[in-house]
């Protein structure tokens, strides 16, 4: 299992729009081979993090290089103050 955790900073006035768009975007991402899950996390003080799980780095990489992902990433960036800050992990115990 491969996991990406990205801290994101959403423009405050666009948080609700981003949440709606994120749910819609999940419909696109979920069609990729190896997709496991994609979640938007929110702290009590309103900070956000995206958690993405794929079966493998290779399958995540294929999705990441697709035209569909390019469109999603471009749209996601329009909601953010700064680019995402991703960290990549391999699940070693579950």
Protein backbone atom coordinates (compact mmCIF):
# COMPACT_ATOMS: atom_id res chain seq x y z
CA UNK A 1 0.00 0.00 0.00
CA UNK A 2 1.18 3.49 -0.88
CA UNK A 3 -0.03 6.65 0.91
CA UNK A 4 0.32 10.35 0.15
CA UNK A 5 -0.39 12.90 2.87
CA UNK A 6 -0.55 16.53 1.71
CA UNK A 7 -0.95 19.57 3.90
CA UNK A 8 -2.99 22.14 2.00
CA UNK A 9 -3.94 25.73 2.67
CA UNK A 10 -7.35 26.51 1.21
CA UNK A 11 -8.37 30.11 0.70
CA UNK A 12 -10.74 30.77 3.63
CA UNK A 13 -13.56 32.06 1.44
CA UNK A 14 -13.41 28.91 -0.74
CA UNK A 15 -13.39 26.15 1.88
CA UNK A 16 -17.00 25.06 1.34
CA UNK A 17 -16.62 25.17 -2.45
CA UNK A 18 -13.44 23.11 -2.18
CA UNK A 19 -15.18 20.48 -0.06
CA UNK A 20 -17.90 20.11 -2.69
CA UNK A 21 -15.37 19.97 -5.53
CA UNK A 22 -13.22 17.44 -3.62
CA UNK A 23 -16.16 15.07 -3.34
CA UNK A 24 -16.86 15.39 -7.07
CA UNK A 25 -13.17 14.90 -7.92
CA UNK A 26 -13.16 11.66 -5.94
CA UNK A 27 -15.52 10.24 -8.57
CA UNK A 28 -12.80 10.77 -11.19
CA UNK A 29 -9.85 9.53 -9.12
CA UNK A 30 -11.72 6.44 -7.91
CA UNK A 31 -11.80 5.06 -11.46
CA UNK A 32 -8.02 4.64 -11.63
CA UNK A 33 -6.50 1.19 -11.28
CA UNK A 34 -5.10 0.72 -7.79
CA UNK A 35 -7.18 3.45 -6.13
CA UNK A 36 -8.05 2.70 -2.50
CA UNK A 37 -9.24 6.00 -0.98
CA UNK A 38 -8.93 9.79 -1.02
CA UNK A 39 -10.02 11.83 1.99
CA UNK A 40 -10.04 15.45 3.07
CA UNK A 41 -9.16 15.90 6.74
CA UNK A 42 -9.85 19.01 8.83
CA UNK A 43 -8.52 19.96 12.25
CA UNK A 44 -10.62 21.70 14.89
CA UNK A 45 -8.93 24.97 13.98
CA UNK A 46 -9.70 24.62 10.25
CA UNK A 47 -6.43 23.34 8.80
CA UNK A 48 -6.65 20.77 6.01
CA UNK A 49 -4.81 17.67 4.90
CA UNK A 50 -5.46 15.29 2.01
CA UNK A 51 -4.91 11.56 2.46
CA UNK A 52 -4.64 9.41 -0.69
CA UNK A 53 -4.16 5.65 -0.72
CA UNK A 54 -3.20 3.53 -3.72
CA UNK A 55 -2.24 -0.12 -4.01
CA UNK A 56 1.28 0.83 -5.14
CA UNK A 57 3.57 3.71 -6.04
CA UNK A 58 3.49 2.56 -9.67
CA UNK A 59 -0.31 2.76 -9.89
CA UNK A 60 -0.31 6.12 -8.13
CA UNK A 61 2.32 7.32 -10.60
CA UNK A 62 0.21 6.29 -13.58
CA UNK A 63 -2.77 8.22 -12.21
CA UNK A 64 -0.55 11.19 -11.38
CA UNK A 65 0.64 11.40 -15.01
CA UNK A 66 -2.83 11.25 -16.56
CA UNK A 67 -4.66 14.13 -18.27
CA UNK A 68 -7.49 13.69 -15.77
CA UNK A 69 -5.12 14.28 -12.85
CA UNK A 70 -3.62 17.31 -14.57
CA UNK A 71 -7.08 18.86 -14.84
CA UNK A 72 -7.93 18.02 -11.22
CA UNK A 73 -4.63 19.38 -9.94
CA UNK A 74 -5.09 22.62 -11.88
CA UNK A 75 -8.59 23.12 -10.46
CA UNK A 76 -7.48 22.20 -6.92
CA UNK A 77 -4.69 24.78 -7.08
CA UNK A 78 -7.24 27.52 -7.79
CA UNK A 79 -8.72 26.91 -4.32
CA UNK A 80 -5.38 27.11 -2.49
CA UNK A 81 -3.21 29.90 -1.10
CA UNK A 82 -0.04 27.84 -1.61
CA UNK A 83 0.83 24.61 -3.44
CA UNK A 84 0.23 21.35 -1.55
CA UNK A 85 3.04 19.97 0.58
CA UNK A 86 2.98 16.18 -0.03
CA UNK A 87 4.79 13.43 1.86
CA UNK A 88 4.96 9.90 0.46
CA UNK A 89 4.79 6.69 2.49
CA UNK A 90 4.81 2.95 1.97
CA UNK A 91 2.64 1.09 4.47
CA UNK A 92 4.97 -1.35 6.24
CA UNK A 93 2.55 -2.70 8.86
CA UNK A 94 -1.24 -2.60 8.92
